[in-house]
Amino acid sequence: MLAKSRTIASLLFALTSFFACTPTQSPWEQHMEEGTWFLQEGKFEEAETAFTSALKETEEFDPRDPRINETLLKLAEVQSARGSYDKAQEYLQHVIDRIEAQHGPDAEELAAPLSNLGAVQHALEHDEEAMHLFERALAIRERVHGPEHPDLILDLKNLAGVHIAHREYVHAEPYLRRALAIAEQAAGPESLSLVPHLNNLALLYQAQQRFAEAEGLLQRAVDIHEHAVGDDHPRLIGSLHNLAALYHTQGAYEKAVPLLTRIVRIVENAYGPETPRLAAPLTNMAATYTAMGRDQEAEEALRRALTILETKRGKEDPALAGILNNLALLYVGQGKYEQAEPLFTRAIAIIEHAKGPSHPALERTLRNYAAMLEKSQRADEAKTLLARAQSIRDQRTKAHSSP
């Protein structure tokens, strides 16, 4: 997530002065430049103000001026980044209506806003409409560029993503395979640009329990990375993690451990032995050790991750909650309830402080804590926590089912 805006008056004055020091710019260009900078910095309110000012300038333009659509698209981008999808939808639909009125329903200029609107509809869980928009964008790009152009890849991935969200893996596969084939034809079989496509298809196969096919794709992604950047480059981490996760899912823990160890070493070499970037791989390593019954090594990995985050980010960092939950579960598995309980309560307090008392992230920890209380013959306390967890789930379900 992008950081929240923290505006300092003197800095803002300096930036405004800087933007104003380009006399060749029109007011519209100045506002657009300011808005783009603020958007990149995650200062969404300031970005919206700048782009709204730019839109005001377009009132003097010819109605067919493409700068009007450019401005509306930027406003849609801001709203999407803020999670204000209804507002983003309005801006994007306005752009689409304008293009259709000026150039017709099959204009090349429609492809990008149709894709963007499809992404917004997917975020709103209006997936039938999202599919229609992605298919329409894909058809336009196919007509303009042909069936094997790289510009088609985005819509192919989007269409696959909607099917995957509904666990329609058989329908998603042709889109991901086609995206990979187009990328390979465009860039060659050893290009780093293939790695995301290999990973996406492998994860699809993993969801279908087609483990051998998934392993082949993930190993190919690792090989491409190693050939391009060497054995210890941070860019390897994602592919190594996916391969380790595949082995973990299969119960092939002895294959996962060397990969996880390698990830830790890469992170240490690249960023130092106390970087917060180590928290995730150490947590993953602990999960594998726990599954293997190597509890002491799992505890050491979790304790190290905990210490790093507390030292570097403070004892209220939200990322600590998951580690505390996992360490508590480790102790529960060992029957060490007295050691587990303060970890559960601390994890809950951190989530409540960071995200509120009804955040979905609380549900898992509340249920885990309740399970421990039941084992401790504290059924009434467990019942209270389970009721709270269920309330959080019901709220989420209601929110998702609302039109």
Protein backbone atom coordinates (compact mmCIF):
# COMPACT_ATOMS: atom_id res chain seq x y z
CA MET A 1 0.00 0.00 0.00
CA LEU A 2 1.08 3.51 -0.67
CA ALA A 3 1.88 5.71 2.30
CA LYS A 4 -0.67 8.21 3.54
CA SER A 5 -0.15 11.82 2.56
CA ARG A 6 1.89 13.94 4.95
CA THR A 7 1.93 17.48 3.61
CA ILE A 8 4.50 19.93 4.94
CA ALA A 9 3.60 23.52 4.14
CA SER A 10 7.09 24.66 3.22
CA LEU A 11 7.66 21.61 1.03
CA LEU A 12 4.35 22.10 -0.73
CA PHE A 13 5.22 25.76 -1.36
CA ALA A 14 8.57 24.76 -2.79
CA LEU A 15 6.97 22.17 -5.07
CA THR A 16 4.33 24.60 -6.24
CA SER A 17 7.02 27.13 -7.00
CA PHE A 18 8.97 24.51 -8.91
CA PHE A 19 6.01 23.54 -11.04
CA ALA A 20 5.30 27.21 -11.73
CA CYS A 21 8.84 27.86 -12.94
CA THR A 22 8.21 26.44 -16.39
CA PRO A 23 6.73 29.36 -18.34
CA THR A 24 6.32 27.27 -21.51
CA GLN A 25 3.71 25.09 -19.82
CA SER A 26 0.03 25.80 -20.17
CA PRO A 27 -2.08 25.80 -16.97
CA TRP A 28 -3.49 22.41 -18.02
CA GLU A 29 0.01 20.95 -18.41
CA GLN A 30 1.08 22.37 -15.08
CA HIS A 31 -1.90 20.85 -13.24
CA MET A 32 -1.38 17.50 -14.98
CA GLU A 33 2.30 17.46 -14.04
CA GLU A 34 1.50 18.30 -10.43
CA GLY A 35 -1.22 15.65 -10.29
CA THR A 36 1.03 12.98 -11.77
CA TRP A 37 3.75 13.75 -9.22
CA PHE A 38 1.31 13.63 -6.32
CA LEU A 39 -0.17 10.37 -7.62
CA GLN A 40 3.26 8.77 -7.82
CA GLU A 41 3.93 9.86 -4.23
CA GLY A 42 0.65 8.38 -3.03
CA LYS A 43 -0.78 11.82 -2.18
CA PHE A 44 -4.20 11.11 -3.60
CA GLU A 45 -6.09 14.11 -2.24
CA GLU A 46 -3.55 16.54 -3.70
CA ALA A 47 -3.52 14.56 -6.96
CA GLU A 48 -7.29 14.75 -7.23
CA THR A 49 -7.21 18.50 -6.63
CA ALA A 50 -4.60 19.01 -9.34
CA PHE A 51 -6.39 16.83 -11.90
CA THR A 52 -9.72 18.48 -11.09
CA SER A 53 -8.08 21.84 -11.81
CA ALA A 54 -6.79 20.43 -15.08
CA LEU A 55 -10.29 19.27 -15.97
CA LYS A 56 -11.57 22.78 -15.26
CA GLU A 57 -9.04 24.11 -17.78
CA THR A 58 -10.44 21.76 -20.44
CA GLU A 59 -13.77 23.57 -20.37
CA GLU A 60 -12.21 26.02 -22.83
CA PHE A 61 -10.99 23.23 -25.15
CA ASP A 62 -12.64 21.89 -28.28
CA PRO A 63 -14.98 19.07 -27.12
CA ARG A 64 -13.02 16.62 -29.27
CA ASP A 65 -9.67 17.53 -27.71
CA PRO A 66 -7.96 14.28 -26.51
CA ARG A 67 -6.65 16.09 -23.44
CA ILE A 68 -10.13 15.93 -21.95
CA ASN A 69 -10.07 12.12 -21.98
CA GLU A 70 -6.49 12.10 -20.69
CA THR A 71 -7.57 14.17 -17.70
CA LEU A 72 -10.61 12.01 -16.98
CA LEU A 73 -8.46 8.89 -17.10
CA LYS A 74 -6.09 10.38 -14.54
CA LEU A 75 -8.99 11.18 -12.24
CA ALA A 76 -10.19 7.59 -12.63
CA GLU A 77 -6.70 6.35 -11.76
CA VAL A 78 -6.69 8.39 -8.57
CA GLN A 79 -10.07 7.07 -7.52
CA SER A 80 -9.04 3.48 -8.23
CA ALA A 81 -5.89 3.93 -6.18
CA ARG A 82 -8.00 5.24 -3.31
CA GLY A 83 -10.41 2.32 -3.59
CA SER A 84 -13.23 4.67 -4.65
CA TYR A 85 -14.31 2.35 -7.44
CA ASP A 86 -17.76 3.86 -7.96
CA LYS A 87 -16.20 7.24 -8.75
CA ALA A 88 -13.56 5.63 -10.95
CA GLN A 89 -16.35 3.86 -12.82
CA GLU A 90 -18.08 7.16 -13.55
CA TYR A 91 -14.96 8.75 -15.01
CA LEU A 92 -14.11 5.71 -17.13
CA GLN A 93 -17.64 5.38 -18.46
CA HIS A 94 -17.59 9.06 -19.38
CA VAL A 95 -14.37 8.52 -21.38
CA ILE A 96 -15.86 5.49 -23.13
CA ASP A 97 -19.04 7.37 -24.02
CA ARG A 98 -17.00 10.24 -25.45
CA ILE A 99 -14.80 7.98 -27.58
CA GLU A 100 -17.77 6.01 -28.88
CA ALA A 101 -19.57 9.23 -29.80
CA GLN A 102 -16.53 10.55 -31.65
CA HIS A 103 -15.03 7.41 -33.21
CA GLY A 104 -17.57 4.60 -32.98
CA PRO A 105 -17.91 1.45 -30.84
CA ASP A 106 -14.83 -0.32 -32.27
CA ALA A 107 -12.30 2.51 -32.02
CA GLU A 108 -8.76 1.56 -31.05
CA GLU A 109 -8.78 4.27 -28.37
CA LEU A 110 -11.46 2.32 -26.49
CA ALA A 111 -9.27 -0.66 -25.58
CA ALA A 112 -7.44 0.90 -22.61
CA PRO A 113 -10.46 2.47 -20.87
CA LEU A 114 -12.48 -0.70 -21.43
CA SER A 115 -9.74 -2.73 -19.73
CA ASN A 116 -9.54 -0.25 -16.90
CA LEU A 117 -13.29 -0.27 -16.40
CA GLY A 118 -13.21 -4.06 -16.43
CA ALA A 119 -10.66 -4.00 -13.62
CA VAL A 120 -12.88 -1.63 -11.64
CA GLN A 121 -15.92 -3.86 -12.18
CA HIS A 122 -13.89 -6.86 -11.01
CA ALA A 123 -12.88 -4.94 -7.88
CA LEU A 124 -16.58 -4.25 -7.31
CA GLU A 125 -17.24 -7.99 -7.83
CA HIS A 126 -19.36 -7.28 -10.91
CA ASP A 127 -17.59 -10.06 -12.76
CA GLU A 128 -20.09 -10.67 -15.55
CA GLU A 129 -19.73 -7.05 -16.63
CA ALA A 130 -15.94 -7.25 -16.14
CA MET A 131 -15.74 -10.25 -18.48
CA HIS A 132 -17.76 -8.42 -21.13
CA LEU A 133 -15.45 -5.39 -20.95
CA PHE A 134 -12.24 -7.45 -21.07
CA GLU A 135 -13.55 -9.46 -24.03
CA ARG A 136 -14.50 -6.29 -25.86
CA ALA A 137 -11.06 -4.74 -25.24
CA LEU A 138 -9.39 -7.94 -26.43
CA ALA A 139 -11.47 -8.02 -29.61
CA ILE A 140 -10.51 -4.43 -30.43
CA ARG A 141 -6.81 -5.12 -29.91
CA GLU A 142 -6.98 -8.30 -31.98
CA ARG A 143 -8.61 -6.41 -34.85
CA VAL A 144 -6.06 -3.58 -34.70
CA HIS A 145 -2.85 -5.52 -33.98
CA GLY A 146 -3.55 -9.12 -34.92
CA PRO A 147 -3.93 -12.25 -32.72
CA GLU A 148 -0.29 -12.51 -31.58
CA HIS A 149 0.53 -8.95 -30.53
CA PRO A 150 1.91 -8.37 -26.99
CA ASP A 151 -0.77 -5.75 -26.34
CA LEU A 152 -3.25 -8.59 -26.05
CA ILE A 153 -1.53 -10.05 -22.97
CA LEU A 154 -3.11 -7.71 -20.43
CA ASP A 155 -6.66 -8.60 -21.38
CA LEU A 156 -5.83 -12.31 -21.58
CA LYS A 157 -4.48 -12.17 -18.02
CA ASN A 158 -7.49 -10.18 -16.86
CA LEU A 159 -9.91 -12.70 -18.35
CA ALA A 160 -8.00 -15.54 -16.71
CA GLY A 161 -8.06 -13.67 -13.42
CA VAL A 162 -11.85 -13.41 -13.38
CA HIS A 163 -12.21 -17.14 -14.07
CA ILE A 164 -9.67 -17.97 -11.38
CA ALA A 165 -11.56 -15.83 -8.87
CA HIS A 166 -14.51 -18.18 -9.46
CA ARG A 167 -12.26 -21.28 -9.46
CA GLU A 168 -13.06 -21.85 -13.12
CA TYR A 169 -9.56 -23.09 -13.77
CA VAL A 170 -10.36 -24.96 -16.98
CA HIS A 171 -11.64 -21.74 -18.54
CA ALA A 172 -8.68 -19.71 -17.26
CA GLU A 173 -5.99 -22.01 -18.66
CA PRO A 174 -6.34 -21.17 -22.39
CA TYR A 175 -5.95 -17.46 -21.66
CA LEU A 176 -2.77 -17.97 -19.60
CA ARG A 177 -1.30 -20.39 -22.13
CA ARG A 178 -1.97 -17.94 -24.93
CA ALA A 179 -0.43 -15.07 -22.97
CA LEU A 180 2.72 -17.16 -22.40
CA ALA A 181 2.92 -18.14 -26.09
CA ILE A 182 2.59 -14.51 -27.22
CA ALA A 183 5.24 -13.35 -24.75
CA GLU A 184 7.61 -16.13 -25.79
CA GLN A 185 7.19 -15.39 -29.48
CA ALA A 186 7.77 -11.69 -28.90
CA ALA A 187 10.76 -11.90 -26.54
CA GLY A 188 12.29 -15.34 -26.98
CA PRO A 189 12.37 -18.45 -24.74
CA GLU A 190 15.00 -17.12 -22.32
CA SER A 191 13.55 -13.67 -21.71
CA LEU A 192 12.92 -12.50 -18.17
CA SER A 193 9.58 -11.19 -19.37
CA LEU A 194 8.36 -14.80 -19.48
CA VAL A 195 8.78 -15.34 -15.74
CA PRO A 196 5.44 -13.80 -14.61
CA HIS A 197 3.58 -15.84 -17.22
CA LEU A 198 5.33 -19.06 -16.18
CA ASN A 199 4.51 -18.35 -12.54
CA ASN A 200 0.86 -17.55 -13.29
CA LEU A 201 0.32 -20.75 -15.26
CA ALA A 202 2.18 -22.78 -12.65
CA LEU A 203 0.02 -21.44 -9.85
CA LEU A 204 -3.06 -22.35 -11.89
CA TYR A 205 -1.77 -25.90 -12.31
CA GLN A 206 -1.01 -26.07 -8.60
CA ALA A 207 -4.60 -25.11 -7.81
CA GLN A 208 -5.66 -28.02 -10.05
CA GLN A 209 -3.15 -30.33 -8.33
CA ARG A 210 -1.25 -30.75 -11.58
CA PHE A 211 1.95 -30.64 -9.60
CA ALA A 212 4.39 -32.08 -12.14
CA GLU A 213 3.39 -29.52 -14.77
CA ALA A 214 3.57 -26.73 -12.21
CA GLU A 215 7.03 -27.82 -11.09
CA GLY A 216 8.33 -27.79 -14.65
CA LEU A 217 7.13 -24.24 -15.24
CA LEU A 218 8.48 -22.96 -11.91
CA GLN A 219 11.85 -24.60 -12.44
CA ARG A 220 12.01 -23.00 -15.88
CA ALA A 221 11.31 -19.60 -14.28
CA VAL A 222 14.17 -20.18 -11.83
CA ASP A 223 16.51 -21.25 -14.65
CA ILE A 224 15.69 -18.14 -16.70
CA HIS A 225 16.39 -15.91 -13.71
CA GLU A 226 19.66 -17.65 -12.88
CA HIS A 227 20.85 -17.39 -16.47
CA ALA A 228 19.96 -13.68 -16.64
CA VAL A 229 21.01 -12.34 -13.24
CA GLY A 230 23.01 -15.05 -11.46
CA ASP A 231 22.37 -17.38 -8.55
CA ASP A 232 22.04 -14.84 -5.74
CA HIS A 233 20.04 -11.96 -7.20
CA PRO A 234 16.92 -10.76 -5.34
CA ARG A 235 14.87 -11.11 -8.51
CA LEU A 236 15.07 -14.87 -7.98
CA ILE A 237 13.12 -14.72 -4.73
CA GLY A 238 9.62 -14.82 -6.18
CA SER A 239 10.24 -17.87 -8.36
CA LEU A 240 12.12 -19.69 -5.58
CA HIS A 241 9.28 -18.95 -3.19
CA ASN A 242 6.66 -20.31 -5.60
CA LEU A 243 8.64 -23.50 -6.12
CA ALA A 244 9.14 -23.94 -2.37
CA ALA A 245 5.41 -23.36 -1.80
CA LEU A 246 4.62 -26.04 -4.38
CA TYR A 247 6.83 -28.54 -2.57
CA HIS A 248 5.27 -27.56 0.76
CA THR A 249 1.78 -28.14 -0.65
CA GLN A 250 2.84 -31.60 -1.83
CA GLY A 251 4.39 -32.41 1.53
CA ALA A 252 7.84 -32.56 -0.09
CA TYR A 253 9.32 -30.53 2.75
CA GLU A 254 12.86 -31.82 2.23
CA LYS A 255 12.80 -30.15 -1.20
CA ALA A 256 11.31 -26.92 0.13
CA VAL A 257 13.86 -26.32 2.91
CA PRO A 258 16.93 -25.75 0.65
CA LEU A 259 14.95 -23.26 -1.43
CA LEU A 260 13.75 -21.37 1.63
CA THR A 261 17.27 -21.36 3.06
CA ARG A 262 18.52 -19.97 -0.23
CA ILE A 263 15.92 -17.19 -0.16
CA VAL A 264 17.03 -16.18 3.34
CA ARG A 265 20.65 -16.10 2.19
CA ILE A 266 19.82 -13.98 -0.86
CA VAL A 267 17.91 -11.48 1.26
CA GLU A 268 20.70 -11.32 3.86
CA ASN A 269 23.37 -10.77 1.21
CA ALA A 270 21.36 -8.12 -0.60
CA TYR A 271 19.86 -6.18 2.32
CA GLY A 272 21.68 -7.23 5.49
CA PRO A 273 20.98 -9.72 8.32
CA GLU A 274 18.49 -7.46 10.13
CA THR A 275 16.35 -6.27 7.24
CA PRO A 276 12.57 -6.47 7.70
CA ARG A 277 12.49 -8.19 4.31
CA LEU A 278 13.59 -11.34 6.15
CA ALA A 279 10.33 -11.60 8.09
CA ALA A 280 8.35 -13.26 5.30
CA PRO A 281 10.92 -15.92 4.28
CA LEU A 282 11.66 -16.73 7.93
CA THR A 283 7.94 -17.16 8.58
CA ASN A 284 7.64 -19.46 5.55
CA MET A 285 10.63 -21.46 6.72
CA ALA A 286 9.07 -21.81 10.16
CA ALA A 287 5.86 -23.16 8.60
CA THR A 288 7.83 -25.84 6.76
CA TYR A 289 9.84 -26.74 9.85
CA THR A 290 6.60 -27.02 11.84
CA ALA A 291 5.13 -29.37 9.24
CA MET A 292 8.28 -31.50 9.52
CA GLY A 293 8.07 -31.63 13.31
CA ARG A 294 11.24 -29.57 13.67
CA ASP A 295 9.69 -27.32 16.31
CA GLN A 296 12.89 -25.86 17.73
CA GLU A 297 14.04 -24.63 14.32
CA ALA A 298 10.55 -23.28 13.62
CA GLU A 299 10.59 -21.36 16.90
CA GLU A 300 14.05 -19.95 16.18
CA ALA A 301 12.94 -18.71 12.76
CA LEU A 302 9.80 -17.06 14.16
CA ARG A 303 11.67 -15.52 17.08
CA ARG A 304 14.23 -14.07 14.69
CA ALA A 305 11.50 -12.59 12.46
CA LEU A 306 9.80 -11.17 15.53
CA THR A 307 12.98 -9.55 16.83
CA ILE A 308 13.83 -8.02 13.46
CA LEU A 309 10.42 -6.40 13.03
CA GLU A 310 10.24 -5.18 16.62
CA THR A 311 13.70 -3.64 16.33
CA LYS A 312 13.25 -2.06 12.92
CA ARG A 313 9.57 -1.13 12.92
CA GLY A 314 8.47 -1.09 16.54
CA LYS A 315 6.37 -3.37 18.71
CA GLU A 316 3.05 -2.27 17.20
CA ASP A 317 3.88 -3.00 13.58
CA PRO A 318 0.90 -4.76 11.93
CA ALA A 319 3.17 -7.37 10.33
CA LEU A 320 3.93 -8.71 13.79
CA ALA A 321 0.40 -10.05 14.23
CA GLY A 322 0.82 -12.96 11.83
CA ILE A 323 4.14 -13.99 13.34
CA LEU A 324 2.73 -13.85 16.87
CA ASN A 325 -0.24 -15.96 15.75
CA ASN A 326 2.04 -18.56 14.18
CA LEU A 327 4.31 -18.71 17.21
CA ALA A 328 1.28 -19.11 19.47
CA LEU A 329 0.03 -21.99 17.31
CA LEU A 330 3.44 -23.64 17.58
CA TYR A 331 3.19 -23.49 21.37
CA VAL A 332 -0.41 -24.76 21.30
CA GLY A 333 0.77 -27.76 19.32
CA GLN A 334 3.28 -28.42 22.09
CA GLY A 335 0.66 -27.99 24.80
CA LYS A 336 2.33 -24.79 26.06
CA TYR A 337 -0.89 -22.84 26.49
CA GLU A 338 0.50 -20.37 29.03
CA GLN A 339 3.14 -19.28 26.54
CA ALA A 340 0.67 -19.15 23.66
CA GLU A 341 -2.04 -17.04 25.28
CA PRO A 342 -0.14 -13.72 25.62
CA LEU A 343 0.94 -14.06 21.99
CA PHE A 344 -2.66 -14.42 20.83
CA THR A 345 -3.83 -11.46 22.92
CA ARG A 346 -0.96 -9.31 21.68
CA ALA A 347 -1.69 -10.22 18.03
CA ILE A 348 -5.35 -9.28 18.52
CA ALA A 349 -4.42 -5.96 20.14
CA ILE A 350 -2.07 -5.09 17.28
CA ILE A 351 -4.71 -5.82 14.62
CA GLU A 352 -7.37 -3.87 16.52
CA HIS A 353 -5.04 -0.89 16.91
CA ALA A 354 -3.93 -0.91 13.28
CA LYS A 355 -7.13 -1.92 11.47
CA GLY A 356 -10.05 -1.65 13.87
CA PRO A 357 -12.07 -4.10 16.00
CA SER A 358 -14.01 -5.62 13.10
CA HIS A 359 -11.29 -6.11 10.51
CA PRO A 360 -11.34 -9.46 8.66
CA ALA A 361 -7.71 -10.06 9.68
CA LEU A 362 -8.92 -10.61 13.23
CA GLU A 363 -11.07 -13.62 12.44
CA ARG A 364 -8.28 -16.16 12.06
CA THR A 365 -6.50 -15.19 15.29
CA LEU A 366 -9.78 -15.10 17.24
CA ARG A 367 -10.64 -18.61 16.07
CA ASN A 368 -7.16 -19.91 16.85
CA TYR A 369 -7.27 -18.38 20.32
CA ALA A 370 -10.74 -19.85 20.90
CA ALA A 371 -9.51 -23.31 19.91
CA MET A 372 -6.73 -23.02 22.50
CA LEU A 373 -9.21 -21.93 25.16
CA GLU A 374 -11.40 -24.94 24.43
CA LYS A 375 -8.41 -27.20 24.89
CA SER A 376 -7.76 -25.43 28.20
CA GLN A 377 -11.31 -26.21 29.40
CA ARG A 378 -12.32 -22.54 29.14
CA ALA A 379 -15.38 -23.08 27.00
CA ASP A 380 -17.26 -19.90 27.93
CA GLU A 381 -14.36 -17.66 26.93
CA ALA A 382 -13.91 -19.64 23.72
CA LYS A 383 -17.61 -19.23 22.91
CA THR A 384 -17.34 -15.45 23.27
CA LEU A 385 -14.37 -15.28 20.89
CA LEU A 386 -16.04 -17.55 18.35
CA ALA A 387 -19.15 -15.38 18.38
CA ARG A 388 -17.01 -12.34 17.68
CA ALA A 389 -15.16 -14.13 14.87
CA GLN A 390 -18.46 -15.20 13.33
CA SER A 391 -19.77 -11.64 13.52
CA ILE A 392 -16.73 -10.41 11.61
CA ARG A 393 -17.26 -13.09 8.96
CA ASP A 394 -20.96 -12.25 8.67
CA GLN A 395 -20.15 -8.57 8.19
CA ARG A 396 -17.71 -9.43 5.40
CA THR A 397 -20.18 -11.75 3.71
CA LYS A 398 -22.90 -9.11 3.88
CA ALA A 399 -20.59 -6.48 2.42
CA HIS A 400 -19.62 -8.77 -0.47
CA SER A 401 -23.21 -9.69 -1.24
CA SER A 402 -24.46 -6.10 -1.26
CA PRO A 403 -25.20 -4.70 -4.75
